[in-house]
Amino acid sequence: MFDYNIEDAQRILKSFDSADLRLENHVLDNWFERDVDFNYIFDCLTDKILLSISKTSENRFKLIYPHENSKTMDLYIVIEIDDFEKITVITAYSFSSARRQRENERR
């Protein structure tokens, strides 16, 4: 299995075909209680400005985008990239943007 780095993930995100995007069952099972719009996830991955990216494990990345409806929240999208550069959304959830801002201040 190929182990992608952050630069690889950014390149793959810029060029992937959204028709090939897969959603893990976890996202589908929790979408209602987390109030995550699937269309907005697609929009983020294809059109929105990425606020932050970090590698969480082998071929798994945490992406942070602006929240669709709230200026005080961010949308976290965890993706996994397979050997064929196909992207699977593992989970998506909202979290306070203050967390990201504090993390940026520490750097």
Protein backbone atom coordinates (compact mmCIF):
# COMPACT_ATOMS: atom_id res chain seq x y z
CA MET A 1 0.00 0.00 0.00
CA PHE A 2 1.34 3.38 -0.97
CA ASP A 3 1.68 5.90 1.88
CA TYR A 4 0.68 9.38 0.68
CA ASN A 5 2.03 12.55 2.27
CA ILE A 6 0.24 15.91 2.61
CA GLU A 7 1.56 17.18 -0.73
CA ASP A 8 0.27 14.03 -2.46
CA ALA A 9 -3.13 14.47 -0.82
CA GLN A 10 -3.35 18.10 -1.95
CA ARG A 11 -2.47 17.10 -5.52
CA ILE A 12 -5.06 14.30 -5.50
CA LEU A 13 -7.74 16.62 -4.10
CA LYS A 14 -7.10 19.15 -6.87
CA SER A 15 -7.50 16.60 -9.63
CA PHE A 16 -9.97 13.97 -8.39
CA ASP A 17 -13.26 13.26 -10.10
CA SER A 18 -16.14 13.82 -7.66
CA ALA A 19 -18.05 11.00 -9.36
CA ASP A 20 -15.47 8.63 -7.85
CA LEU A 21 -15.97 9.96 -4.30
CA ARG A 22 -17.16 7.34 -1.83
CA LEU A 23 -18.86 7.83 1.53
CA GLU A 24 -18.11 5.46 4.40
CA ASN A 25 -21.17 4.04 6.20
CA HIS A 26 -20.20 6.05 9.30
CA VAL A 27 -20.95 9.30 7.42
CA LEU A 28 -24.24 7.96 6.14
CA ASP A 29 -25.29 6.68 9.57
CA ASN A 30 -24.56 9.97 11.37
CA TRP A 31 -25.41 12.65 8.83
CA PHE A 32 -28.72 13.67 10.41
CA GLU A 33 -27.53 14.14 13.99
CA ARG A 34 -24.37 15.92 12.82
CA ASP A 35 -26.33 18.15 10.44
CA VAL A 36 -23.87 17.67 7.58
CA ASP A 37 -25.04 18.35 4.04
CA PHE A 38 -23.60 15.82 1.57
CA ASN A 39 -23.68 18.39 -1.22
CA TYR A 40 -21.62 20.76 0.88
CA ILE A 41 -19.04 18.01 1.48
CA PHE A 42 -18.73 17.60 -2.29
CA ASP A 43 -18.51 21.39 -2.70
CA CYS A 44 -15.75 21.60 -0.11
CA LEU A 45 -13.67 18.88 -1.73
CA THR A 46 -14.04 20.36 -5.21
CA ASP A 47 -14.46 24.13 -4.82
CA LYS A 48 -13.92 25.50 -1.31
CA ILE A 49 -10.67 26.82 0.11
CA LEU A 50 -9.00 24.32 2.40
CA LEU A 51 -8.22 25.94 5.77
CA SER A 52 -6.04 23.14 7.10
CA ILE A 53 -4.84 19.65 6.28
CA SER A 54 -3.09 17.17 8.54
CA LYS A 55 -2.14 13.54 8.21
CA THR A 56 -3.76 11.45 10.94
CA SER A 57 -2.54 7.98 9.89
CA GLU A 58 -1.43 6.07 6.82
CA ASN A 59 -3.33 7.53 3.84
CA ARG A 60 -5.84 9.26 6.15
CA PHE A 61 -6.12 13.03 6.34
CA LYS A 62 -8.14 15.55 8.35
CA LEU A 63 -9.33 18.45 6.22
CA ILE A 64 -10.81 21.61 7.66
CA TYR A 65 -13.14 23.83 5.63
CA PRO A 66 -15.34 26.83 6.48
CA HIS A 67 -18.71 25.76 7.87
CA GLU A 68 -21.64 26.16 5.53
CA ASN A 69 -23.88 28.10 7.95
CA SER A 70 -21.79 29.33 10.88
CA LYS A 71 -18.85 31.69 11.09
CA THR A 72 -17.87 30.30 14.51
CA MET A 73 -17.67 26.69 13.30
CA ASP A 74 -15.49 24.73 10.89
CA LEU A 75 -16.34 21.58 8.97
CA TYR A 76 -13.92 18.71 9.55
CA ILE A 77 -13.79 16.06 6.85
CA VAL A 78 -11.67 12.96 7.37
CA ILE A 79 -10.71 11.23 4.13
CA GLU A 80 -8.77 8.17 3.12
CA ILE A 81 -6.98 7.75 -0.21
CA ASP A 82 -6.48 4.30 -1.71
CA ASP A 83 -3.69 3.10 -4.01
CA PHE A 84 -5.70 4.17 -7.06
CA GLU A 85 -6.06 7.73 -5.69
CA LYS A 86 -9.75 7.23 -4.97
CA ILE A 87 -11.07 9.25 -2.03
CA THR A 88 -13.38 7.92 0.66
CA VAL A 89 -14.97 10.26 3.19
CA ILE A 90 -14.60 8.51 6.55
CA THR A 91 -16.45 11.07 8.66
CA ALA A 92 -17.53 14.70 8.69
CA TYR A 93 -18.47 16.86 11.63
CA SER A 94 -18.63 20.47 12.81
CA PHE A 95 -16.30 21.89 15.42
CA SER A 96 -15.55 25.32 16.81
CA SER A 97 -13.25 27.40 14.61
CA ALA A 98 -11.56 28.62 17.81
CA ARG A 99 -9.85 25.22 18.06
CA ARG A 100 -8.20 25.64 14.64
CA GLN A 101 -7.22 29.21 15.46
CA ARG A 102 -5.59 28.15 18.75
CA GLU A 103 -3.69 25.39 16.96
CA ASN A 104 -2.44 27.91 14.39
CA GLU A 105 -1.31 30.28 17.14
CA ARG A 106 0.78 27.52 18.75
CA ARG A 107 2.74 26.97 15.53
